[in-house]
Amino acid sequence: MTARPAAIVTGGASGLGRATVELLLDRGFGVVAVDLDTDRYSWLPAGADVVTLASDVTSDVNNQHAVAAALDHFGRLDVAVLNAGVPGSGPIETLDMAVFDRVIDVNVRAVALGIRAAIPAMRATGGGSIVVTASTSGLGGEPRRWPYNTSKAAVLNLVRAAAIDLALEGIRVNAVCPGPVHTGMTDKYRGTDGYEQLRSMIPQQRWGDPDEVAQAIVFLASSAASFITGVALPVDGGISAGNSQSIPPQGTGIRPAPTW
């Protein structure tokens, strides 16, 4: 067993999860990466200190298994990034409620299970950090996305409540709220009117990249955020700064993300 810090990342095979796994590895973490299958990790470098688990996060037993894997392979658990999520949308009067139930199960209930599973291991090492991937969709409503909006709003209050309950044990609980970001879940929007409409609503006039969200996640997980708990941090190019009553200034020649 090694004394290096250890993290769990759910939804770790692609998108924000992959970017977070890569950044944690770069920061010296051992990682347990959890996703529905283990066939999507060909991007992992040879010899990477990563345990991959095929797991459905809606299962309490599976969340316990992820923690056990961290303890077995790394001897500790310092960080849990509860990133797995699913979309859901449709007309409120006709959408099959099974869609709503699935969104709540993955986006809210599974997060509660992940928090509960992580607590004993973090308590044993004197504390830890839990970071949940929420969304700017949890900060307000959107047309036809009521299942997703509801789930992300609910998980934000779960984060706040858990942060209060766990603060004295040195366990911090925070959330990031990504805006439009290039991931596998959003690839279908590229080249569409909807893609450009969303871009026009972002003050920075561009969609975000997974690496930019991963940086916020790892910051909240790190000792640099030691006095931060219970926050919902938008990572959205400024979209949540507006009140949706006007379109921000439009322009070209948008500056890329800094590299320092």
C-alpha atoms as a PDB file:
ATOM      1  CA  MET A   1       0.000   0.000   0.000  1.00  0.00           C
ATOM      2  CA  THR A   2       1.099   3.551  -0.682  1.00  0.00           C
ATOM      3  CA  ALA A   3       0.719   6.785   1.230  1.00  0.00           C
ATOM      4  CA  ARG A   4      -0.138   8.779  -1.893  1.00  0.00           C
ATOM      5  CA  PRO A   5      -3.574  10.448  -1.793  1.00  0.00           C
ATOM      6  CA  ALA A   6      -6.439   8.511  -3.311  1.00  0.00           C
ATOM      7  CA  ALA A   7      -9.633   9.518  -5.082  1.00  0.00           C
ATOM      8  CA  ILE A   8     -12.782   7.972  -6.501  1.00  0.00           C
ATOM      9  CA  VAL A   9     -14.220   9.453  -9.688  1.00  0.00           C
ATOM     10  CA  THR A  10     -17.628   8.258 -10.878  1.00  0.00           C
ATOM     11  CA  GLY A  11     -18.460   8.613 -14.537  1.00  0.00           C
ATOM     12  CA  GLY A  12     -14.708   8.482 -14.969  1.00  0.00           C
ATOM     13  CA  ALA A  13     -14.401   7.057 -18.476  1.00  0.00           C
ATOM     14  CA  SER A  14     -15.227  10.148 -20.533  1.00  0.00           C
ATOM     15  CA  GLY A  15     -16.000  13.855 -20.551  1.00  0.00           C
ATOM     16  CA  LEU A  16     -15.617  15.670 -17.248  1.00  0.00           C
ATOM     17  CA  GLY A  17     -14.820  12.422 -15.461  1.00  0.00           C
ATOM     18  CA  ARG A  18     -11.949  11.563 -17.792  1.00  0.00           C
ATOM     19  CA  ALA A  19     -10.512  15.085 -17.531  1.00  0.00           C
ATOM     20  CA  THR A  20     -10.707  14.862 -13.737  1.00  0.00           C
ATOM     21  CA  VAL A  21      -9.020  11.456 -13.632  1.00  0.00           C
ATOM     22  CA  GLU A  22      -6.208  12.741 -15.842  1.00  0.00           C
ATOM     23  CA  LEU A  23      -5.672  15.830 -13.695  1.00  0.00           C
ATOM     24  CA  LEU A  24      -5.733  13.875 -10.438  1.00  0.00           C
ATOM     25  CA  LEU A  25      -3.124  11.492 -11.839  1.00  0.00           C
ATOM     26  CA  ASP A  26      -1.016  14.477 -12.822  1.00  0.00           C
ATOM     27  CA  ARG A  27      -1.310  15.746  -9.231  1.00  0.00           C
ATOM     28  CA  GLY A  28      -0.021  12.446  -7.844  1.00  0.00           C
ATOM     29  CA  PHE A  29      -3.268  10.727  -6.861  1.00  0.00           C
ATOM     30  CA  GLY A  30      -4.139   7.087  -7.113  1.00  0.00           C
ATOM     31  CA  VAL A  31      -7.605   6.866  -8.655  1.00  0.00           C
ATOM     32  CA  VAL A  32     -10.544   4.482  -8.642  1.00  0.00           C
ATOM     33  CA  ALA A  33     -12.428   5.282 -11.853  1.00  0.00           C
ATOM     34  CA  VAL A  34     -16.026   4.087 -11.919  1.00  0.00           C
ATOM     35  CA  ASP A  35     -18.238   3.812 -14.992  1.00  0.00           C
ATOM     36  CA  LEU A  36     -20.818   1.462 -16.440  1.00  0.00           C
ATOM     37  CA  ASP A  37     -18.132  -0.570 -18.223  1.00  0.00           C
ATOM     38  CA  THR A  38     -14.343  -0.803 -18.326  1.00  0.00           C
ATOM     39  CA  ASP A  39     -13.999  -0.894 -22.125  1.00  0.00           C
ATOM     40  CA  ARG A  40     -13.719   2.896 -22.433  1.00  0.00           C
ATOM     41  CA  TYR A  41     -10.372   3.458 -20.751  1.00  0.00           C
ATOM     42  CA  SER A  42      -8.014   2.947 -23.699  1.00  0.00           C
ATOM     43  CA  TRP A  43      -6.850   6.542 -23.151  1.00  0.00           C
ATOM     44  CA  LEU A  44      -5.222   5.638 -19.834  1.00  0.00           C
ATOM     45  CA  PRO A  45      -1.408   5.679 -20.089  1.00  0.00           C
ATOM     46  CA  ALA A  46       0.415   2.423 -19.475  1.00  0.00           C
ATOM     47  CA  GLY A  47       1.197   1.958 -15.818  1.00  0.00           C
ATOM     48  CA  ALA A  48      -1.280   4.584 -14.620  1.00  0.00           C
ATOM     49  CA  ASP A  49      -2.142   4.134 -10.955  1.00  0.00           C
ATOM     50  CA  VAL A  50      -5.834   3.642 -11.706  1.00  0.00           C
ATOM     51  CA  VAL A  51      -8.287   0.960 -10.703  1.00  0.00           C
ATOM     52  CA  THR A  52     -11.211   0.777 -13.145  1.00  0.00           C
ATOM     53  CA  LEU A  53     -14.539  -0.545 -11.958  1.00  0.00           C
ATOM     54  CA  ALA A  54     -17.613  -1.436 -14.007  1.00  0.00           C
ATOM     55  CA  SER A  55     -20.362  -0.260 -11.721  1.00  0.00           C
ATOM     56  CA  ASP A  56     -23.845   1.259 -11.591  1.00  0.00           C
ATOM     57  CA  VAL A  57     -23.654   4.057  -9.041  1.00  0.00           C
ATOM     58  CA  THR A  58     -27.333   3.713  -8.133  1.00  0.00           C
ATOM     59  CA  SER A  59     -26.405   0.609  -6.126  1.00  0.00           C
ATOM     60  CA  ASP A  60     -25.428   1.074  -2.499  1.00  0.00           C
ATOM     61  CA  VAL A  61     -23.293  -2.066  -2.681  1.00  0.00           C
ATOM     62  CA  ASN A  62     -21.429  -0.728  -5.727  1.00  0.00           C
ATOM     63  CA  ASN A  63     -20.606   2.522  -3.941  1.00  0.00           C
ATOM     64  CA  GLN A  64     -19.246   0.510  -1.027  1.00  0.00           C
ATOM     65  CA  HIS A  65     -17.175  -1.557  -3.475  1.00  0.00           C
ATOM     66  CA  ALA A  66     -15.599   1.607  -4.921  1.00  0.00           C
ATOM     67  CA  VAL A  67     -14.529   2.735  -1.457  1.00  0.00           C
ATOM     68  CA  ALA A  68     -13.221  -0.745  -0.661  1.00  0.00           C
ATOM     69  CA  ALA A  69     -11.179  -0.664  -3.886  1.00  0.00           C
ATOM     70  CA  ALA A  70      -9.567   2.618  -2.818  1.00  0.00           C
ATOM     71  CA  LEU A  71      -8.713   1.194   0.590  1.00  0.00           C
ATOM     72  CA  ASP A  72      -7.430  -2.084  -0.839  1.00  0.00           C
ATOM     73  CA  HIS A  73      -5.217  -0.520  -3.506  1.00  0.00           C
ATOM     74  CA  PHE A  74      -4.172   2.786  -1.940  1.00  0.00           C
ATOM     75  CA  GLY A  75      -4.783   2.322   1.772  1.00  0.00           C
ATOM     76  CA  ARG A  76      -6.960   5.425   2.106  1.00  0.00           C
ATOM     77  CA  LEU A  77      -9.612   7.641   0.561  1.00  0.00           C
ATOM     78  CA  ASP A  78      -9.098  11.397   0.438  1.00  0.00           C
ATOM     79  CA  VAL A  79     -11.354  12.590  -2.374  1.00  0.00           C
ATOM     80  CA  ALA A  80     -14.641  11.455  -3.901  1.00  0.00           C
ATOM     81  CA  VAL A  81     -15.715  13.112  -7.144  1.00  0.00           C
ATOM     82  CA  LEU A  82     -19.354  12.164  -7.668  1.00  0.00           C
ATOM     83  CA  ASN A  83     -19.631  13.033 -11.323  1.00  0.00           C
ATOM     84  CA  ALA A  84     -21.867  10.380 -12.914  1.00  0.00           C
ATOM     85  CA  GLY A  85     -25.108  11.756 -14.304  1.00  0.00           C
ATOM     86  CA  VAL A  86     -27.775  11.356 -16.955  1.00  0.00           C
ATOM     87  CA  PRO A  87     -29.884  13.867 -18.917  1.00  0.00           C
ATOM     88  CA  GLY A  88     -33.664  13.951 -19.071  1.00  0.00           C
ATOM     89  CA  SER A  89     -36.173  16.127 -20.865  1.00  0.00           C
ATOM     90  CA  GLY A  90     -39.646  16.148 -22.360  1.00  0.00           C
ATOM     91  CA  PRO A  91     -43.106  17.661 -21.960  1.00  0.00           C
ATOM     92  CA  ILE A  92     -44.132  17.733 -18.317  1.00  0.00           C
ATOM     93  CA  GLU A  93     -47.665  16.543 -19.005  1.00  0.00           C
ATOM     94  CA  THR A  94     -46.762  13.478 -21.096  1.00  0.00           C
ATOM     95  CA  LEU A  95     -43.189  12.376 -20.356  1.00  0.00           C
ATOM     96  CA  ASP A  96     -42.993   8.868 -18.970  1.00  0.00           C
ATOM     97  CA  MET A  97     -42.340   9.258 -15.248  1.00  0.00           C
ATOM     98  CA  ALA A  98     -39.811   6.433 -15.541  1.00  0.00           C
ATOM     99  CA  VAL A  99     -37.514   8.988 -17.193  1.00  0.00           C
ATOM    100  CA  PHE A 100     -37.906  11.318 -14.224  1.00  0.00           C
ATOM    101  CA  ASP A 101     -37.331   8.475 -11.774  1.00  0.00           C
ATOM    102  CA  ARG A 102     -34.117   7.423 -13.545  1.00  0.00           C
ATOM    103  CA  VAL A 103     -32.748  10.980 -13.549  1.00  0.00           C
ATOM    104  CA  ILE A 104     -33.452  11.375  -9.834  1.00  0.00           C
ATOM    105  CA  ASP A 105     -31.978   7.946  -9.117  1.00  0.00           C
ATOM    106  CA  VAL A 106     -28.661   8.704 -10.846  1.00  0.00           C
ATOM    107  CA  ASN A 107     -28.294  12.440 -10.295  1.00  0.00           C
ATOM    108  CA  VAL A 108     -29.496  12.656  -6.690  1.00  0.00           C
ATOM    109  CA  ARG A 109     -29.938   9.340  -4.916  1.00  0.00           C
ATOM    110  CA  ALA A 110     -26.629   7.941  -6.206  1.00  0.00           C
ATOM    111  CA  VAL A 111     -24.852  11.049  -4.927  1.00  0.00           C
ATOM    112  CA  ALA A 112     -26.334  10.492  -1.472  1.00  0.00           C
ATOM    113  CA  LEU A 113     -25.127   6.890  -1.626  1.00  0.00           C
ATOM    114  CA  GLY A 114     -21.664   8.014  -2.708  1.00  0.00           C
ATOM    115  CA  ILE A 115     -21.411  10.493   0.159  1.00  0.00           C
ATOM    116  CA  ARG A 116     -22.582   7.912   2.696  1.00  0.00           C
ATOM    117  CA  ALA A 117     -20.104   5.325   1.414  1.00  0.00           C
ATOM    118  CA  ALA A 118     -17.148   7.730   1.544  1.00  0.00           C
ATOM    119  CA  ILE A 119     -17.691   9.036   5.077  1.00  0.00           C
ATOM    120  CA  PRO A 120     -16.202   6.152   7.144  1.00  0.00           C
ATOM    121  CA  ALA A 121     -13.019   5.972   5.049  1.00  0.00           C
ATOM    122  CA  MET A 122     -12.518   9.740   5.163  1.00  0.00           C
ATOM    123  CA  ARG A 123     -13.255   9.829   8.872  1.00  0.00           C
ATOM    124  CA  ALA A 124     -10.522   7.230   9.400  1.00  0.00           C
ATOM    125  CA  THR A 125      -7.900   9.512   7.837  1.00  0.00           C
ATOM    126  CA  GLY A 126      -9.090  12.652   9.604  1.00  0.00           C
ATOM    127  CA  GLY A 127     -11.102  14.203   6.798  1.00  0.00           C
ATOM    128  CA  GLY A 128     -11.513  14.470   3.080  1.00  0.00           C
ATOM    129  CA  SER A 129     -13.209  16.256   0.243  1.00  0.00           C
ATOM    130  CA  ILE A 130     -16.319  15.349  -1.738  1.00  0.00           C
ATOM    131  CA  VAL A 131     -17.034  17.209  -4.967  1.00  0.00           C
ATOM    132  CA  VAL A 132     -20.315  16.746  -6.829  1.00  0.00           C
ATOM    133  CA  THR A 133     -20.903  17.606 -10.465  1.00  0.00           C
ATOM    134  CA  ALA A 134     -24.130  19.578 -10.513  1.00  0.00           C
ATOM    135  CA  SER A 135     -24.994  22.031 -13.318  1.00  0.00           C
ATOM    136  CA  THR A 136     -26.077  25.567 -14.046  1.00  0.00           C
ATOM    137  CA  SER A 137     -29.342  23.759 -14.828  1.00  0.00           C
ATOM    138  CA  GLY A 138     -29.740  23.440 -11.064  1.00  0.00           C
ATOM    139  CA  LEU A 139     -29.658  27.223 -10.664  1.00  0.00           C
ATOM    140  CA  GLY A 140     -32.764  27.889 -12.756  1.00  0.00           C
ATOM    141  CA  GLY A 141     -35.348  26.370 -15.056  1.00  0.00           C
ATOM    142  CA  GLU A 142     -35.154  25.615 -18.788  1.00  0.00           C
ATOM    143  CA  PRO A 143     -37.757  24.616 -21.372  1.00  0.00           C
ATOM    144  CA  ARG A 144     -38.671  20.918 -21.275  1.00  0.00           C
ATOM    145  CA  ARG A 145     -35.718  19.976 -19.040  1.00  0.00           C
ATOM    146  CA  TRP A 146     -37.712  19.743 -15.821  1.00  0.00           C
ATOM    147  CA  PRO A 147     -36.386  16.280 -14.838  1.00  0.00           C
ATOM    148  CA  TYR A 148     -32.780  17.418 -15.174  1.00  0.00           C
ATOM    149  CA  ASN A 149     -33.405  20.850 -13.634  1.00  0.00           C
ATOM    150  CA  THR A 150     -35.128  19.239 -10.659  1.00  0.00           C
ATOM    151  CA  SER A 151     -32.336  16.722 -10.090  1.00  0.00           C
ATOM    152  CA  LYS A 152     -29.533  19.269 -10.249  1.00  0.00           C
ATOM    153  CA  ALA A 153     -31.337  21.716  -7.960  1.00  0.00           C
ATOM    154  CA  ALA A 154     -31.951  18.896  -5.487  1.00  0.00           C
ATOM    155  CA  VAL A 155     -28.334  17.765  -5.490  1.00  0.00           C
ATOM    156  CA  LEU A 156     -27.167  21.310  -4.729  1.00  0.00           C
ATOM    157  CA  ASN A 157     -29.192  21.384  -1.527  1.00  0.00           C
ATOM    158  CA  LEU A 158     -27.970  17.888  -0.712  1.00  0.00           C
ATOM    159  CA  VAL A 159     -24.418  19.234  -0.977  1.00  0.00           C
ATOM    160  CA  ARG A 160     -25.202  22.175   1.298  1.00  0.00           C
ATOM    161  CA  ALA A 161     -26.873  20.025   3.935  1.00  0.00           C
ATOM    162  CA  ALA A 162     -24.144  17.371   3.877  1.00  0.00           C
ATOM    163  CA  ALA A 163     -21.477  20.080   4.150  1.00  0.00           C
ATOM    164  CA  ILE A 164     -23.043  21.312   7.376  1.00  0.00           C
ATOM    165  CA  ASP A 165     -23.413  17.825   8.813  1.00  0.00           C
ATOM    166  CA  LEU A 166     -19.835  16.783   8.043  1.00  0.00           C
ATOM    167  CA  ALA A 167     -17.885  19.993   8.646  1.00  0.00           C
ATOM    168  CA  LEU A 168     -16.753  19.121  12.184  1.00  0.00           C
ATOM    169  CA  GLU A 169     -15.290  15.852  10.916  1.00  0.00           C
ATOM    170  CA  GLY A 170     -13.067  17.650   8.435  1.00  0.00           C
ATOM    171  CA  ILE A 171     -15.046  16.396   5.461  1.00  0.00           C
ATOM    172  CA  ARG A 172     -15.826  19.140   2.968  1.00  0.00           C
ATOM    173  CA  VAL A 173     -18.654  18.818   0.438  1.00  0.00           C
ATOM    174  CA  ASN A 174     -18.879  21.132  -2.571  1.00  0.00           C
ATOM    175  CA  ALA A 175     -20.395  21.233  -6.038  1.00  0.00           C
ATOM    176  CA  VAL A 176     -19.352  22.533  -9.420  1.00  0.00           C
ATOM    177  CA  CYS A 177     -22.034  23.824 -11.796  1.00  0.00           C
ATOM    178  CA  PRO A 178     -20.775  23.502 -15.370  1.00  0.00           C
ATOM    179  CA  GLY A 179     -22.442  25.456 -18.130  1.00  0.00           C
ATOM    180  CA  PRO A 180     -22.244  24.369 -21.783  1.00  0.00           C
ATOM    181  CA  VAL A 181     -19.166  22.147 -22.053  1.00  0.00           C
ATOM    182  CA  HIS A 182     -17.876  19.952 -24.871  1.00  0.00           C
ATOM    183  CA  THR A 183     -18.469  16.355 -23.735  1.00  0.00           C
ATOM    184  CA  GLY A 184     -19.860  13.179 -25.236  1.00  0.00           C
ATOM    185  CA  MET A 185     -23.242  14.132 -23.797  1.00  0.00           C
ATOM    186  CA  THR A 186     -23.250  17.430 -25.709  1.00  0.00           C
ATOM    187  CA  ASP A 187     -21.566  16.353 -28.963  1.00  0.00           C
ATOM    188  CA  LYS A 188     -24.957  16.023 -30.640  1.00  0.00           C
ATOM    189  CA  TYR A 189     -25.414  19.797 -30.402  1.00  0.00           C
ATOM    190  CA  ARG A 190     -22.298  20.712 -32.401  1.00  0.00           C
ATOM    191  CA  GLY A 191     -23.166  22.437 -35.651  1.00  0.00           C
ATOM    192  CA  THR A 192     -26.786  23.009 -34.679  1.00  0.00           C
ATOM    193  CA  ASP A 193     -28.768  26.183 -34.126  1.00  0.00           C
ATOM    194  CA  GLY A 194     -29.082  25.188 -30.470  1.00  0.00           C
ATOM    195  CA  TYR A 195     -25.292  25.074 -30.125  1.00  0.00           C
ATOM    196  CA  GLU A 196     -24.942  28.596 -31.488  1.00  0.00           C
ATOM    197  CA  GLN A 197     -27.852  29.848 -29.403  1.00  0.00           C
ATOM    198  CA  LEU A 198     -26.202  28.615 -26.223  1.00  0.00           C
ATOM    199  CA  ARG A 199     -22.854  30.040 -27.296  1.00  0.00           C
ATOM    200  CA  SER A 200     -24.461  33.445 -27.817  1.00  0.00           C
ATOM    201  CA  MET A 201     -25.752  33.434 -24.223  1.00  0.00           C
ATOM    202  CA  ILE A 202     -22.276  32.880 -22.746  1.00  0.00           C
ATOM    203  CA  PRO A 203     -20.454  36.157 -22.020  1.00  0.00           C
ATOM    204  CA  GLN A 204     -17.139  34.558 -23.002  1.00  0.00           C
ATOM    205  CA  GLN A 205     -18.790  33.600 -26.323  1.00  0.00           C
ATOM    206  CA  ARG A 206     -17.539  30.012 -26.335  1.00  0.00           C
ATOM    207  CA  TRP A 207     -18.373  26.619 -24.927  1.00  0.00           C
ATOM    208  CA  GLY A 208     -16.131  25.292 -22.200  1.00  0.00           C
ATOM    209  CA  ASP A 209     -13.725  22.360 -22.293  1.00  0.00           C
ATOM    210  CA  PRO A 210     -13.723  19.446 -19.819  1.00  0.00           C
ATOM    211  CA  ASP A 211     -10.246  20.397 -18.584  1.00  0.00           C
ATOM    212  CA  GLU A 212     -11.577  23.746 -17.358  1.00  0.00           C
ATOM    213  CA  VAL A 213     -14.208  22.059 -15.206  1.00  0.00           C
ATOM    214  CA  ALA A 214     -11.694  19.479 -13.973  1.00  0.00           C
ATOM    215  CA  GLN A 215      -9.457  22.287 -12.738  1.00  0.00           C
ATOM    216  CA  ALA A 216     -12.335  23.620 -10.607  1.00  0.00           C
ATOM    217  CA  ILE A 217     -13.142  20.137  -9.302  1.00  0.00           C
ATOM    218  CA  VAL A 218      -9.545  19.442  -8.299  1.00  0.00           C
ATOM    219  CA  PHE A 219      -9.235  22.886  -6.709  1.00  0.00           C
ATOM    220  CA  LEU A 220     -12.269  22.213  -4.510  1.00  0.00           C
ATOM    221  CA  ALA A 221     -10.857  18.791  -3.674  1.00  0.00           C
ATOM    222  CA  SER A 222      -7.470  20.190  -2.693  1.00  0.00           C
ATOM    223  CA  SER A 223      -6.064  21.777   0.444  1.00  0.00           C
ATOM    224  CA  ALA A 224      -6.115  25.109  -1.422  1.00  0.00           C
ATOM    225  CA  ALA A 225      -9.870  25.081  -0.725  1.00  0.00           C
ATOM    226  CA  SER A 226      -9.538  24.034   2.916  1.00  0.00           C
ATOM    227  CA  PHE A 227     -11.950  26.738   4.188  1.00  0.00           C
ATOM    228  CA  ILE A 228     -14.515  26.188   1.428  1.00  0.00           C
ATOM    229  CA  THR A 229     -17.461  23.882   1.977  1.00  0.00           C
ATOM    230  CA  GLY A 230     -21.096  23.866   0.917  1.00  0.00           C
ATOM    231  CA  VAL A 231     -20.562  25.977  -2.204  1.00  0.00           C
ATOM    232  CA  ALA A 232     -22.018  25.689  -5.703  1.00  0.00           C
ATOM    233  CA  LEU A 233     -19.283  26.976  -8.015  1.00  0.00           C
ATOM    234  CA  PRO A 234     -20.436  27.912 -11.539  1.00  0.00           C
ATOM    235  CA  VAL A 235     -17.921  27.043 -14.264  1.00  0.00           C
ATOM    236  CA  ASP A 236     -19.853  28.519 -17.145  1.00  0.00           C
ATOM    237  CA  GLY A 237     -18.089  31.399 -18.867  1.00  0.00           C
ATOM    238  CA  GLY A 238     -20.305  33.855 -17.023  1.00  0.00           C
ATOM    239  CA  ILE A 239     -23.685  32.524 -18.162  1.00  0.00           C
ATOM    240  CA  SER A 240     -25.097  32.420 -14.611  1.00  0.00           C
ATOM    241  CA  ALA A 241     -24.115  36.059 -14.053  1.00  0.00           C
ATOM    242  CA  GLY A 242     -26.976  37.182 -16.284  1.00  0.00           C
ATOM    243  CA  ASN A 243     -30.721  37.233 -15.703  1.00  0.00           C
ATOM    244  CA  SER A 244     -31.666  35.960 -19.212  1.00  0.00           C
ATOM    245  CA  GLN A 245     -33.386  39.237 -20.106  1.00  0.00           C
ATOM    246  CA  SER A 246     -30.735  40.241 -22.621  1.00  0.00           C
ATOM    247  CA  ILE A 247     -28.049  38.664 -24.785  1.00  0.00           C
ATOM    248  CA  PRO A 248     -24.482  39.532 -23.731  1.00  0.00           C
ATOM    249  CA  PRO A 249     -22.229  41.515 -26.086  1.00  0.00           C
ATOM    250  CA  GLN A 250     -21.391  39.473 -29.155  1.00  0.00           C
ATOM    251  CA  GLY A 251     -17.989  39.382 -30.791  1.00  0.00           C
ATOM    252  CA  THR A 252     -15.229  37.460 -32.497  1.00  0.00           C
ATOM    253  CA  GLY A 253     -11.603  36.860 -31.666  1.00  0.00           C
ATOM    254  CA  ILE A 254     -12.538  35.306 -28.329  1.00  0.00           C
ATOM    255  CA  ARG A 255      -9.523  34.769 -26.114  1.00  0.00           C
ATOM    256  CA  PRO A 256      -8.668  31.122 -25.379  1.00  0.00           C
ATOM    257  CA  ALA A 257      -8.312  29.813 -21.855  1.00  0.00           C
ATOM    258  CA  PRO A 258      -4.976  30.839 -20.266  1.00  0.00           C
ATOM    259  CA  THR A 259      -2.288  28.190 -19.922  1.00  0.00           C
ATOM    260  CA  TRP A 260      -0.690  29.540 -16.722  1.00  0.00           C
END
